[in-house]
Amino acid sequence: MTIHPGLLLHVSGAEEPQLKAGIRAAHNARAQLPDLMMEIVVQGPAVAFLQSGSALEPELASDLTDLGPVHVAVLACANSMRSIGVKPDELLRGVIVVPAAVAHLATRQLDGWAYIRV
C-alpha cells in the first residue's frame, strides 16, 4: 500500500448536499485512514456554506472536530469568495483561505497528495 502525504476532498458547486457529501467522505476516509492528513477544499458557490450563520455551521462545527486526532483542514477558495461576495472575516472559525483552489489542488497533487472530487 502506498502512503500519501494527505487526502484532498474537493467540493464545488452551489448546493448544500455537495458540502455535506464532503464531510461524509471525510468521516468515511477517517475510519479507514485514521492517521492521514485531510483537507476539504471548497470552491465555487459552496463557499457560502462556510460562513458563520450558514445552514451547515452546526454540522461543520461538530462533525469536523469529531474526525479524530489528525487535523482535517477546511479550505475556502478566495477567488470563489470574491465572486459571491464573501469576506474572510465572515467565515467560520478555523476555515483557511487559499488564493486559488485550483492552484492549491495542483500543488498538493504534485506533492503526492491523493485527490477525490466529491
PDB file of N, CA and C in Angstrom:
ATOM      1  N   MET A   1       0.844  -1.178   0.000  1.00  0.00           N
ATOM      2  CA  MET A   1       0.000   0.000   0.000  1.00  0.00           C
ATOM      3  C   MET A   1       0.889   1.241   0.000  1.00  0.00           C
ATOM      4  N   THR A   2       0.612   2.185  -0.894  1.00  0.00           N
ATOM      5  CA  THR A   2       1.354   3.430  -0.959  1.00  0.00           C
ATOM      6  C   THR A   2       0.797   4.405   0.063  1.00  0.00           C
ATOM      7  N   ILE A   3       1.677   5.023   0.820  1.00  0.00           N
ATOM      8  CA  ILE A   3       1.257   6.028   1.793  1.00  0.00           C
ATOM      9  C   ILE A   3       1.419   7.400   1.155  1.00  0.00           C
ATOM     10  N   HIS A   4       0.345   8.180   1.149  1.00  0.00           N
ATOM     11  CA  HIS A   4       0.366   9.523   0.586  1.00  0.00           C
ATOM     12  C   HIS A   4       0.504  10.536   1.714  1.00  0.00           C
ATOM     13  N   PRO A   5       1.069  11.694   1.404  1.00  0.00           N
ATOM     14  CA  PRO A   5       1.171  12.736   2.424  1.00  0.00           C
ATOM     15  C   PRO A   5      -0.184  13.173   2.969  1.00  0.00           C
ATOM     16  N   GLY A   6      -1.226  13.086   2.162  1.00  0.00           N
ATOM     17  CA  GLY A   6      -2.538  13.509   2.624  1.00  0.00           C
ATOM     18  C   GLY A   6      -3.607  13.210   1.599  1.00  0.00           C
ATOM     19  N   LEU A   7      -4.850  13.558   1.963  1.00  0.00           N
ATOM     20  CA  LEU A   7      -6.014  13.330   1.114  1.00  0.00           C
ATOM     21  C   LEU A   7      -6.724  14.650   0.885  1.00  0.00           C
ATOM     22  N   LEU A   8      -6.960  14.976  -0.373  1.00  0.00           N
ATOM     23  CA  LEU A   8      -7.715  16.165  -0.765  1.00  0.00           C
ATOM     24  C   LEU A   8      -9.127  15.758  -1.124  1.00  0.00           C
ATOM     25  N   LEU A   9     -10.101  16.374  -0.494  1.00  0.00           N
ATOM     26  CA  LEU A   9     -11.502  16.181  -0.854  1.00  0.00           C
ATOM     27  C   LEU A   9     -11.963  17.504  -1.465  1.00  0.00           C
ATOM     28  N   HIS A  10     -12.236  17.505  -2.751  1.00  0.00           N
ATOM     29  CA  HIS A  10     -12.565  18.720  -3.494  1.00  0.00           C
ATOM     30  C   HIS A  10     -14.073  18.851  -3.624  1.00  0.00           C
ATOM     31  N   VAL A  11     -14.623  19.921  -3.053  1.00  0.00           N
ATOM     32  CA  VAL A  11     -16.059  20.191  -3.102  1.00  0.00           C
ATOM     33  C   VAL A  11     -16.285  21.471  -3.893  1.00  0.00           C
ATOM     34  N   SER A  12     -17.141  21.400  -4.897  1.00  0.00           N
ATOM     35  CA  SER A  12     -17.513  22.604  -5.637  1.00  0.00           C
ATOM     36  C   SER A  12     -18.994  22.524  -5.949  1.00  0.00           C
ATOM     37  N   GLY A  13     -19.508  23.585  -6.506  1.00  0.00           N
ATOM     38  CA  GLY A  13     -20.923  23.621  -6.840  1.00  0.00           C
ATOM     39  C   GLY A  13     -21.654  24.634  -5.987  1.00  0.00           C
ATOM     40  N   ALA A  14     -22.970  24.530  -5.972  1.00  0.00           N
ATOM     41  CA  ALA A  14     -23.772  25.537  -5.283  1.00  0.00           C
ATOM     42  C   ALA A  14     -24.757  24.958  -4.278  1.00  0.00           C
ATOM     43  N   GLU A  15     -24.789  23.651  -4.138  1.00  0.00           N
ATOM     44  CA  GLU A  15     -25.820  23.025  -3.311  1.00  0.00           C
ATOM     45  C   GLU A  15     -25.259  22.511  -1.992  1.00  0.00           C
ATOM     46  N   GLU A  16     -26.058  22.616  -0.956  1.00  0.00           N
ATOM     47  CA  GLU A  16     -25.691  22.152   0.376  1.00  0.00           C
ATOM     48  C   GLU A  16     -25.297  20.666   0.402  1.00  0.00           C
ATOM     49  N   PRO A  17     -26.007  19.791  -0.322  1.00  0.00           N
ATOM     50  CA  PRO A  17     -25.640  18.374  -0.288  1.00  0.00           C
ATOM     51  C   PRO A  17     -24.209  18.089  -0.745  1.00  0.00           C
ATOM     52  N   GLN A  18     -23.660  18.934  -1.592  1.00  0.00           N
ATOM     53  CA  GLN A  18     -22.291  18.707  -2.050  1.00  0.00           C
ATOM     54  C   GLN A  18     -21.296  18.858  -0.900  1.00  0.00           C
ATOM     55  N   LEU A  19     -21.466  19.880  -0.077  1.00  0.00           N
ATOM     56  CA  LEU A  19     -20.571  20.047   1.063  1.00  0.00           C
ATOM     57  C   LEU A  19     -20.830  18.968   2.115  1.00  0.00           C
ATOM     58  N   LYS A  20     -22.089  18.607   2.299  1.00  0.00           N
ATOM     59  CA  LYS A  20     -22.409  17.512   3.222  1.00  0.00           C
ATOM     60  C   LYS A  20     -21.728  16.218   2.761  1.00  0.00           C
ATOM     61  N   ALA A  21     -21.690  15.991   1.460  1.00  0.00           N
ATOM     62  CA  ALA A  21     -21.021  14.797   0.931  1.00  0.00           C
ATOM     63  C   ALA A  21     -19.524  14.853   1.223  1.00  0.00           C
ATOM     64  N   GLY A  22     -18.924  16.024   1.163  1.00  0.00           N
ATOM     65  CA  GLY A  22     -17.507  16.164   1.506  1.00  0.00           C
ATOM     66  C   GLY A  22     -17.236  15.827   2.960  1.00  0.00           C
ATOM     67  N   ILE A  23     -18.114  16.279   3.849  1.00  0.00           N
ATOM     68  CA  ILE A  23     -17.980  15.971   5.276  1.00  0.00           C
ATOM     69  C   ILE A  23     -18.143  14.466   5.497  1.00  0.00           C
ATOM     70  N   ARG A  24     -19.133  13.880   4.837  1.00  0.00           N
ATOM     71  CA  ARG A  24     -19.372  12.434   4.954  1.00  0.00           C
ATOM     72  C   ARG A  24     -18.169  11.643   4.429  1.00  0.00           C
ATOM     73  N   ALA A  25     -17.601  12.098   3.312  1.00  0.00           N
ATOM     74  CA  ALA A  25     -16.419  11.432   2.754  1.00  0.00           C
ATOM     75  C   ALA A  25     -15.242  11.509   3.726  1.00  0.00           C
ATOM     76  N   ALA A  26     -15.102  12.636   4.407  1.00  0.00           N
ATOM     77  CA  ALA A  26     -14.033  12.765   5.400  1.00  0.00           C
ATOM     78  C   ALA A  26     -14.238  11.758   6.539  1.00  0.00           C
ATOM     79  N   HIS A  27     -15.470  11.600   6.986  1.00  0.00           N
ATOM     80  CA  HIS A  27     -15.772  10.606   8.028  1.00  0.00           C
ATOM     81  C   HIS A  27     -15.423   9.199   7.551  1.00  0.00           C
ATOM     82  N   ASN A  28     -15.843   8.861   6.336  1.00  0.00           N
ATOM     83  CA  ASN A  28     -15.586   7.528   5.798  1.00  0.00           C
ATOM     84  C   ASN A  28     -14.095   7.270   5.631  1.00  0.00           C
ATOM     85  N   ALA A  29     -13.385   8.264   5.128  1.00  0.00           N
ATOM     86  CA  ALA A  29     -11.939   8.112   4.944  1.00  0.00           C
ATOM     87  C   ALA A  29     -11.235   7.979   6.291  1.00  0.00           C
ATOM     88  N   ARG A  30     -11.678   8.781   7.263  1.00  0.00           N
ATOM     89  CA  ARG A  30     -11.046   8.740   8.587  1.00  0.00           C
ATOM     90  C   ARG A  30     -11.172   7.352   9.212  1.00  0.00           C
ATOM     91  N   ALA A  31     -12.289   6.668   8.959  1.00  0.00           N
ATOM     92  CA  ALA A  31     -12.491   5.326   9.528  1.00  0.00           C
ATOM     93  C   ALA A  31     -11.431   4.344   9.032  1.00  0.00           C
ATOM     94  N   GLN A  32     -11.003   4.489   7.789  1.00  0.00           N
ATOM     95  CA  GLN A  32     -10.030   3.560   7.208  1.00  0.00           C
ATOM     96  C   GLN A  32      -8.604   4.099   7.208  1.00  0.00           C
ATOM     97  N   LEU A  33      -8.455   5.406   7.298  1.00  0.00           N
ATOM     98  CA  LEU A  33      -7.140   6.059   7.227  1.00  0.00           C
ATOM     99  C   LEU A  33      -6.981   7.027   8.394  1.00  0.00           C
ATOM    100  N   PRO A  34      -6.951   6.512   9.621  1.00  0.00           N
ATOM    101  CA  PRO A  34      -7.013   7.389  10.788  1.00  0.00           C
ATOM    102  C   PRO A  34      -5.821   8.332  10.972  1.00  0.00           C
ATOM    103  N   ASP A  35      -4.691   8.030  10.380  1.00  0.00           N
ATOM    104  CA  ASP A  35      -3.511   8.860  10.585  1.00  0.00           C
ATOM    105  C   ASP A  35      -3.196   9.785   9.419  1.00  0.00           C
ATOM    106  N   LEU A  36      -4.064   9.835   8.433  1.00  0.00           N
ATOM    107  CA  LEU A  36      -3.802  10.610   7.223  1.00  0.00           C
ATOM    108  C   LEU A  36      -4.324  12.039   7.364  1.00  0.00           C
ATOM    109  N   MET A  37      -3.494  13.011   7.018  1.00  0.00           N
ATOM    110  CA  MET A  37      -3.932  14.410   6.960  1.00  0.00           C
ATOM    111  C   MET A  37      -4.988  14.542   5.869  1.00  0.00           C
ATOM    112  N   MET A  38      -5.984  15.384   6.108  1.00  0.00           N
ATOM    113  CA  MET A  38      -7.040  15.601   5.118  1.00  0.00           C
ATOM    114  C   MET A  38      -7.338  17.078   4.988  1.00  0.00           C
ATOM    115  N   GLU A  39      -7.683  17.465   3.774  1.00  0.00           N
ATOM    116  CA  GLU A  39      -8.155  18.816   3.508  1.00  0.00           C
ATOM    117  C   GLU A  39      -9.438  18.730   2.695  1.00  0.00           C
ATOM    118  N   ILE A  40     -10.449  19.454   3.145  1.00  0.00           N
ATOM    119  CA  ILE A  40     -11.667  19.626   2.371  1.00  0.00           C
ATOM    120  C   ILE A  40     -11.522  20.991   1.714  1.00  0.00           C
ATOM    121  N   VAL A  41     -11.324  20.983   0.401  1.00  0.00           N
ATOM    122  CA  VAL A  41     -11.109  22.222  -0.357  1.00  0.00           C
ATOM    123  C   VAL A  41     -12.432  22.605  -1.015  1.00  0.00           C
ATOM    124  N   VAL A  42     -12.968  23.760  -0.619  1.00  0.00           N
ATOM    125  CA  VAL A  42     -14.283  24.191  -1.083  1.00  0.00           C
ATOM    126  C   VAL A  42     -14.118  25.323  -2.099  1.00  0.00           C
ATOM    127  N   GLN A  43     -14.755  25.144  -3.252  1.00  0.00           N
ATOM    128  CA  GLN A  43     -14.618  26.066  -4.374  1.00  0.00           C
ATOM    129  C   GLN A  43     -15.998  26.365  -4.945  1.00  0.00           C
ATOM    130  N   GLY A  44     -16.157  27.523  -5.543  1.00  0.00           N
ATOM    131  CA  GLY A  44     -17.423  27.889  -6.165  1.00  0.00           C
ATOM    132  C   GLY A  44     -18.414  28.396  -5.137  1.00  0.00           C
ATOM    133  N   PRO A  45     -19.688  28.468  -5.509  1.00  0.00           N
ATOM    134  CA  PRO A  45     -20.708  28.999  -4.610  1.00  0.00           C
ATOM    135  C   PRO A  45     -20.830  28.248  -3.282  1.00  0.00           C
ATOM    136  N   ALA A  46     -20.320  27.028  -3.221  1.00  0.00           N
ATOM    137  CA  ALA A  46     -20.379  26.252  -1.969  1.00  0.00           C
ATOM    138  C   ALA A  46     -19.635  26.942  -0.825  1.00  0.00           C
ATOM    139  N   VAL A  47     -18.736  27.878  -1.128  1.00  0.00           N
ATOM    140  CA  VAL A  47     -18.033  28.581  -0.046  1.00  0.00           C
ATOM    141  C   VAL A  47     -19.007  29.360   0.833  1.00  0.00           C
ATOM    142  N   ALA A  48     -20.182  29.682   0.316  1.00  0.00           N
ATOM    143  CA  ALA A  48     -21.184  30.388   1.119  1.00  0.00           C
ATOM    144  C   ALA A  48     -21.584  29.581   2.350  1.00  0.00           C
ATOM    145  N   PHE A  49     -21.502  28.260   2.264  1.00  0.00           N
ATOM    146  CA  PHE A  49     -21.870  27.404   3.398  1.00  0.00           C
ATOM    147  C   PHE A  49     -20.804  27.397   4.490  1.00  0.00           C
ATOM    148  N   LEU A  50     -19.665  28.032   4.231  1.00  0.00           N
ATOM    149  CA  LEU A  50     -18.597  28.127   5.225  1.00  0.00           C
ATOM    150  C   LEU A  50     -18.705  29.403   6.061  1.00  0.00           C
ATOM    151  N   GLN A  51     -19.742  30.197   5.818  1.00  0.00           N
ATOM    152  CA  GLN A  51     -19.939  31.430   6.563  1.00  0.00           C
ATOM    153  C   GLN A  51     -20.569  31.155   7.927  1.00  0.00           C
ATOM    154  N   SER A  52     -20.243  32.004   8.881  1.00  0.00           N
ATOM    155  CA  SER A  52     -20.940  31.969  10.166  1.00  0.00           C
ATOM    156  C   SER A  52     -22.425  32.176   9.905  1.00  0.00           C
ATOM    157  N   GLY A  53     -23.240  31.398  10.585  1.00  0.00           N
ATOM    158  CA  GLY A  53     -24.677  31.514  10.430  1.00  0.00           C
ATOM    159  C   GLY A  53     -25.262  30.718   9.279  1.00  0.00           C
ATOM    160  N   SER A  54     -24.423  30.006   8.522  1.00  0.00           N
ATOM    161  CA  SER A  54     -24.954  29.214   7.406  1.00  0.00           C
ATOM    162  C   SER A  54     -25.709  28.003   7.942  1.00  0.00           C
ATOM    163  N   ALA A  55     -26.493  27.395   7.075  1.00  0.00           N
ATOM    164  CA  ALA A  55     -27.267  26.211   7.462  1.00  0.00           C
ATOM    165  C   ALA A  55     -26.366  25.066   7.913  1.00  0.00           C
ATOM    166  N   LEU A  56     -25.130  25.029   7.432  1.00  0.00           N
ATOM    167  CA  LEU A  56     -24.222  23.922   7.783  1.00  0.00           C
ATOM    168  C   LEU A  56     -23.286  24.236   8.946  1.00  0.00           C
ATOM    169  N   GLU A  57     -23.409  25.416   9.536  1.00  0.00           N
ATOM    170  CA  GLU A  57     -22.496  25.765  10.633  1.00  0.00           C
ATOM    171  C   GLU A  57     -22.495  24.726  11.751  1.00  0.00           C
ATOM    172  N   PRO A  58     -23.650  24.293  12.253  1.00  0.00           N
ATOM    173  CA  PRO A  58     -23.620  23.296  13.339  1.00  0.00           C
ATOM    174  C   PRO A  58     -22.949  21.986  12.918  1.00  0.00           C
ATOM    175  N   GLU A  59     -23.237  21.549  11.706  1.00  0.00           N
ATOM    176  CA  GLU A  59     -22.659  20.287  11.230  1.00  0.00           C
ATOM    177  C   GLU A  59     -21.148  20.410  11.050  1.00  0.00           C
ATOM    178  N   LEU A  60     -20.709  21.506  10.468  1.00  0.00           N
ATOM    179  CA  LEU A  60     -19.275  21.711  10.277  1.00  0.00           C
ATOM    180  C   LEU A  60     -18.563  21.830  11.620  1.00  0.00           C
ATOM    181  N   ALA A  61     -19.148  22.573  12.532  1.00  0.00           N
ATOM    182  CA  ALA A  61     -18.514  22.790  13.830  1.00  0.00           C
ATOM    183  C   ALA A  61     -18.385  21.488  14.613  1.00  0.00           C
ATOM    184  N   SER A  62     -19.415  20.654  14.594  1.00  0.00           N
ATOM    185  CA  SER A  62     -19.358  19.420  15.382  1.00  0.00           C
ATOM    186  C   SER A  62     -18.699  18.276  14.634  1.00  0.00           C
ATOM    187  N   ASP A  63     -19.075  18.061  13.391  1.00  0.00           N
ATOM    188  CA  ASP A  63     -18.566  16.910  12.655  1.00  0.00           C
ATOM    189  C   ASP A  63     -17.066  16.961  12.408  1.00  0.00           C
ATOM    190  N   LEU A  64     -16.558  18.097  12.040  1.00  0.00           N
ATOM    191  CA  LEU A  64     -15.135  18.164  11.711  1.00  0.00           C
ATOM    192  C   LEU A  64     -14.264  17.991  12.938  1.00  0.00           C
ATOM    193  N   THR A  65     -14.743  18.399  14.096  1.00  0.00           N
ATOM    194  CA  THR A  65     -13.942  18.209  15.301  1.00  0.00           C
ATOM    195  C   THR A  65     -13.978  16.762  15.768  1.00  0.00           C
ATOM    196  N   ASP A  66     -14.939  15.984  15.306  1.00  0.00           N
ATOM    197  CA  ASP A  66     -15.071  14.583  15.719  1.00  0.00           C
ATOM    198  C   ASP A  66     -14.345  13.602  14.804  1.00  0.00           C
ATOM    199  N   LEU A  67     -13.584  14.097  13.853  1.00  0.00           N
ATOM    200  CA  LEU A  67     -12.984  13.210  12.868  1.00  0.00           C
ATOM    201  C   LEU A  67     -11.726  12.512  13.364  1.00  0.00           C
ATOM    202  N   GLY A  68     -11.254  12.830  14.526  1.00  0.00           N
ATOM    203  CA  GLY A  68     -10.098  12.124  15.048  1.00  0.00           C
ATOM    204  C   GLY A  68      -8.961  13.048  15.413  1.00  0.00           C
ATOM    205  N   PRO A  69      -7.878  12.458  15.888  1.00  0.00           N
ATOM    206  CA  PRO A  69      -6.762  13.258  16.381  1.00  0.00           C
ATOM    207  C   PRO A  69      -5.956  13.950  15.287  1.00  0.00           C
ATOM    208  N   VAL A  70      -6.038  13.469  14.066  1.00  0.00           N
ATOM    209  CA  VAL A  70      -5.303  14.087  12.973  1.00  0.00           C
ATOM    210  C   VAL A  70      -6.175  15.195  12.378  1.00  0.00           C
ATOM    211  N   HIS A  71      -5.573  16.318  12.140  1.00  0.00           N
ATOM    212  CA  HIS A  71      -6.287  17.511  11.697  1.00  0.00           C
ATOM    213  C   HIS A  71      -6.943  17.329  10.333  1.00  0.00           C
ATOM    214  N   VAL A  72      -8.172  17.809  10.233  1.00  0.00           N
ATOM    215  CA  VAL A  72      -8.854  17.920   8.953  1.00  0.00           C
ATOM    216  C   VAL A  72      -9.049  19.408   8.719  1.00  0.00           C
ATOM    217  N   ALA A  73      -8.387  19.944   7.725  1.00  0.00           N
ATOM    218  CA  ALA A  73      -8.490  21.369   7.436  1.00  0.00           C
ATOM    219  C   ALA A  73      -9.601  21.611   6.425  1.00  0.00           C
ATOM    220  N   VAL A  74     -10.320  22.700   6.623  1.00  0.00           N
ATOM    221  CA  VAL A  74     -11.331  23.136   5.663  1.00  0.00           C
ATOM    222  C   VAL A  74     -10.783  24.397   5.019  1.00  0.00           C
ATOM    223  N   LEU A  75     -10.670  24.364   3.695  1.00  0.00           N
ATOM    224  CA  LEU A  75     -10.085  25.471   2.954  1.00  0.00           C
ATOM    225  C   LEU A  75     -11.110  26.075   2.008  1.00  0.00           C
ATOM    226  N   ALA A  76     -11.127  27.394   1.952  1.00  0.00           N
ATOM    227  CA  ALA A  76     -12.034  28.118   1.063  1.00  0.00           C
ATOM    228  C   ALA A  76     -11.227  28.851   0.004  1.00  0.00           C
ATOM    229  N   CYS A  77     -11.709  28.832  -1.211  1.00  0.00           N
ATOM    230  CA  CYS A  77     -11.068  29.498  -2.342  1.00  0.00           C
ATOM    231  C   CYS A  77     -11.372  31.001  -2.305  1.00  0.00           C
ATOM    232  N   ALA A  78     -10.323  31.829  -2.241  1.00  0.00           N
ATOM    233  CA  ALA A  78     -10.506  33.284  -2.209  1.00  0.00           C
ATOM    234  C   ALA A  78     -11.151  33.798  -3.494  1.00  0.00           C
ATOM    235  N   ASN A  79     -10.812  33.207  -4.626  1.00  0.00           N
ATOM    236  CA  ASN A  79     -11.430  33.639  -5.886  1.00  0.00           C
ATOM    237  C   ASN A  79     -12.937  33.400  -5.857  1.00  0.00           C
ATOM    238  N   SER A  80     -13.348  32.247  -5.343  1.00  0.00           N
ATOM    239  CA  SER A  80     -14.776  31.936  -5.240  1.00  0.00           C
ATOM    240  C   SER A  80     -15.459  32.865  -4.244  1.00  0.00           C
ATOM    241  N   MET A  81     -14.783  33.132  -3.139  1.00  0.00           N
ATOM    242  CA  MET A  81     -15.347  34.040  -2.138  1.00  0.00           C
ATOM    243  C   MET A  81     -15.588  35.418  -2.737  1.00  0.00           C
ATOM    244  N   ARG A  82     -14.612  35.901  -3.460  1.00  0.00           N
ATOM    245  CA  ARG A  82     -14.728  37.217  -4.099  1.00  0.00           C
ATOM    246  C   ARG A  82     -15.894  37.222  -5.102  1.00  0.00           C
ATOM    247  N   SER A  83     -16.052  36.142  -5.840  1.00  0.00           N
ATOM    248  CA  SER A  83     -17.115  36.063  -6.852  1.00  0.00           C
ATOM    249  C   SER A  83     -18.510  36.151  -6.257  1.00  0.00           C
ATOM    250  N   ILE A  84     -18.674  35.616  -5.042  1.00  0.00           N
ATOM    251  CA  ILE A  84     -20.014  35.636  -4.435  1.00  0.00           C
ATOM    252  C   ILE A  84     -20.137  36.645  -3.294  1.00  0.00           C
ATOM    253  N   GLY A  85     -19.078  37.416  -3.056  1.00  0.00           N
ATOM    254  CA  GLY A  85     -19.146  38.481  -2.060  1.00  0.00           C
ATOM    255  C   GLY A  85     -18.988  38.045  -0.617  1.00  0.00           C
ATOM    256  N   VAL A  86     -18.231  36.992  -0.379  1.00  0.00           N
ATOM    257  CA  VAL A  86     -17.965  36.536   0.990  1.00  0.00           C
ATOM    258  C   VAL A  86     -16.595  37.047   1.412  1.00  0.00           C
ATOM    259  N   LYS A  87     -16.546  37.676   2.588  1.00  0.00           N
ATOM    260  CA  LYS A  87     -15.289  38.205   3.113  1.00  0.00           C
ATOM    261  C   LYS A  87     -14.674  37.210   4.095  1.00  0.00           C
ATOM    262  N   PRO A  88     -13.344  37.182   4.210  1.00  0.00           N
ATOM    263  CA  PRO A  88     -12.688  36.232   5.127  1.00  0.00           C
ATOM    264  C   PRO A  88     -13.196  36.307   6.563  1.00  0.00           C
ATOM    265  N   ASP A  89     -13.524  37.501   7.048  1.00  0.00           N
ATOM    266  CA  ASP A  89     -13.984  37.614   8.433  1.00  0.00           C
ATOM    267  C   ASP A  89     -15.410  37.101   8.630  1.00  0.00           C
ATOM    268  N   GLU A  90     -16.060  36.694   7.558  1.00  0.00           N
ATOM    269  CA  GLU A  90     -17.407  36.126   7.641  1.00  0.00           C
ATOM    270  C   GLU A  90     -17.389  34.597   7.723  1.00  0.00           C
ATOM    271  N   LEU A  91     -16.207  34.016   7.587  1.00  0.00           N
ATOM    272  CA  LEU A  91     -16.095  32.556   7.591  1.00  0.00           C
ATOM    273  C   LEU A  91     -16.123  31.998   9.000  1.00  0.00           C
ATOM    274  N   LEU A  92     -16.500  30.736   9.101  1.00  0.00           N
ATOM    275  CA  LEU A  92     -16.454  30.030  10.382  1.00  0.00           C
ATOM    276  C   LEU A  92     -15.018  30.018  10.910  1.00  0.00           C
ATOM    277  N   ARG A  93     -14.898  30.051  12.202  1.00  0.00           N
ATOM    278  CA  ARG A  93     -13.580  29.998  12.830  1.00  0.00           C
ATOM    279  C   ARG A  93     -12.868  28.713  12.410  1.00  0.00           C
ATOM    280  N   GLY A  94     -11.625  28.853  11.993  1.00  0.00           N
ATOM    281  CA  GLY A  94     -10.830  27.693  11.616  1.00  0.00           C
ATOM    282  C   GLY A  94     -10.769  27.428  10.126  1.00  0.00           C
ATOM    283  N   VAL A  95     -11.638  28.066   9.339  1.00  0.00           N
ATOM    284  CA  VAL A  95     -11.580  27.889   7.887  1.00  0.00           C
ATOM    285  C   VAL A  95     -10.372  28.662   7.366  1.00  0.00           C
ATOM    286  N   ILE A  96      -9.586  28.006   6.529  1.00  0.00           N
ATOM    287  CA  ILE A  96      -8.375  28.598   5.963  1.00  0.00           C
ATOM    288  C   ILE A  96      -8.685  29.064   4.546  1.00  0.00           C
ATOM    289  N   VAL A  97      -8.232  30.259   4.202  1.00  0.00           N
ATOM    290  CA  VAL A  97      -8.449  30.794   2.860  1.00  0.00           C
ATOM    291  C   VAL A  97      -7.187  30.565   2.026  1.00  0.00           C
ATOM    292  N   VAL A  98      -7.378  29.990   0.830  1.00  0.00           N
ATOM    293  CA  VAL A  98      -6.278  29.846  -0.127  1.00  0.00           C
ATOM    294  C   VAL A  98      -6.592  30.760  -1.312  1.00  0.00           C
ATOM    295  N   PRO A  99      -5.571  31.346  -1.933  1.00  0.00           N
ATOM    296  CA  PRO A  99      -5.822  32.297  -3.016  1.00  0.00           C
ATOM    297  C   PRO A  99      -6.629  31.701  -4.180  1.00  0.00           C
ATOM    298  N   ALA A 100      -6.287  30.502  -4.595  1.00  0.00           N
ATOM    299  CA  ALA A 100      -6.970  29.856  -5.719  1.00  0.00           C
ATOM    300  C   ALA A 100      -7.028  28.358  -5.452  1.00  0.00           C
ATOM    301  N   ALA A 101      -8.231  27.813  -5.388  1.00  0.00           N
ATOM    302  CA  ALA A 101      -8.383  26.376  -5.120  1.00  0.00           C
ATOM    303  C   ALA A 101      -7.665  25.545  -6.167  1.00  0.00           C
ATOM    304  N   VAL A 102      -7.786  25.930  -7.421  1.00  0.00           N
ATOM    305  CA  VAL A 102      -7.182  25.137  -8.494  1.00  0.00           C
ATOM    306  C   VAL A 102      -5.664  25.051  -8.314  1.00  0.00           C
ATOM    307  N   ALA A 103      -5.018  26.138  -7.943  1.00  0.00           N
ATOM    308  CA  ALA A 103      -3.569  26.128  -7.731  1.00  0.00           C
ATOM    309  C   ALA A 103      -3.210  25.304  -6.498  1.00  0.00           C
ATOM    310  N   HIS A 104      -4.007  25.418  -5.438  1.00  0.00           N
ATOM    311  CA  HIS A 104      -3.747  24.637  -4.225  1.00  0.00           C
ATOM    312  C   HIS A 104      -3.879  23.141  -4.508  1.00  0.00           C
ATOM    313  N   LEU A 105      -4.944  22.766  -5.209  1.00  0.00           N
ATOM    314  CA  LEU A 105      -5.159  21.361  -5.544  1.00  0.00           C
ATOM    315  C   LEU A 105      -4.021  20.820  -6.404  1.00  0.00           C
ATOM    316  N   ALA A 106      -3.590  21.595  -7.381  1.00  0.00           N
ATOM    317  CA  ALA A 106      -2.494  21.156  -8.253  1.00  0.00           C
ATOM    318  C   ALA A 106      -1.197  20.992  -7.464  1.00  0.00           C
ATOM    319  N   THR A 107      -0.896  21.944  -6.603  1.00  0.00           N
ATOM    320  CA  THR A 107       0.326  21.879  -5.805  1.00  0.00           C
ATOM    321  C   THR A 107       0.328  20.659  -4.898  1.00  0.00           C
ATOM    322  N   ARG A 108      -0.781  20.426  -4.226  1.00  0.00           N
ATOM    323  CA  ARG A 108      -0.869  19.262  -3.340  1.00  0.00           C
ATOM    324  C   ARG A 108      -0.695  17.955  -4.129  1.00  0.00           C
ATOM    325  N   GLN A 109      -1.334  17.870  -5.298  1.00  0.00           N
ATOM    326  CA  GLN A 109      -1.212  16.654  -6.094  1.00  0.00           C
ATOM    327  C   GLN A 109       0.221  16.444  -6.566  1.00  0.00           C
ATOM    328  N   LEU A 110       0.881  17.516  -6.951  1.00  0.00           N
ATOM    329  CA  LEU A 110       2.286  17.409  -7.353  1.00  0.00           C
ATOM    330  C   LEU A 110       3.165  16.977  -6.186  1.00  0.00           C
ATOM    331  N   ASP A 111       2.716  17.270  -4.961  1.00  0.00           N
ATOM    332  CA  ASP A 111       3.437  16.869  -3.753  1.00  0.00           C
ATOM    333  C   ASP A 111       3.075  15.438  -3.317  1.00  0.00           C
ATOM    334  N   GLY A 112       2.191  14.777  -4.060  1.00  0.00           N
ATOM    335  CA  GLY A 112       1.868  13.387  -3.759  1.00  0.00           C
ATOM    336  C   GLY A 112       0.563  13.155  -3.007  1.00  0.00           C
ATOM    337  N   TRP A 113      -0.223  14.192  -2.764  1.00  0.00           N
ATOM    338  CA  TRP A 113      -1.491  14.005  -2.075  1.00  0.00           C
ATOM    339  C   TRP A 113      -2.475  13.276  -3.011  1.00  0.00           C
ATOM    340  N   ALA A 114      -3.323  12.451  -2.423  1.00  0.00           N
ATOM    341  CA  ALA A 114      -4.395  11.786  -3.163  1.00  0.00           C
ATOM    342  C   ALA A 114      -5.548  12.765  -3.338  1.00  0.00           C
ATOM    343  N   TYR A 115      -6.235  12.694  -4.485  1.00  0.00           N
ATOM    344  CA  TYR A 115      -7.299  13.642  -4.823  1.00  0.00           C
ATOM    345  C   TYR A 115      -8.606  12.907  -5.056  1.00  0.00           C
ATOM    346  N   ILE A 116      -9.677  13.410  -4.417  1.00  0.00           N
ATOM    347  CA  ILE A 116     -11.022  12.888  -4.626  1.00  0.00           C
ATOM    348  C   ILE A 116     -11.946  14.073  -4.871  1.00  0.00           C
ATOM    349  N   ARG A 117     -12.626  14.066  -5.987  1.00  0.00           N
ATOM    350  CA  ARG A 117     -13.644  15.104  -6.231  1.00  0.00           C
ATOM    351  C   ARG A 117     -14.954  14.587  -5.663  1.00  0.00           C
ATOM    352  N   VAL A 118     -15.558  15.380  -4.800  1.00  0.00           N
ATOM    353  CA  VAL A 118     -16.798  14.979  -4.135  1.00  0.00           C
ATOM    354  C   VAL A 118     -17.966  15.604  -4.857  1.00  0.00           C
TER     355      VAL A 118
END
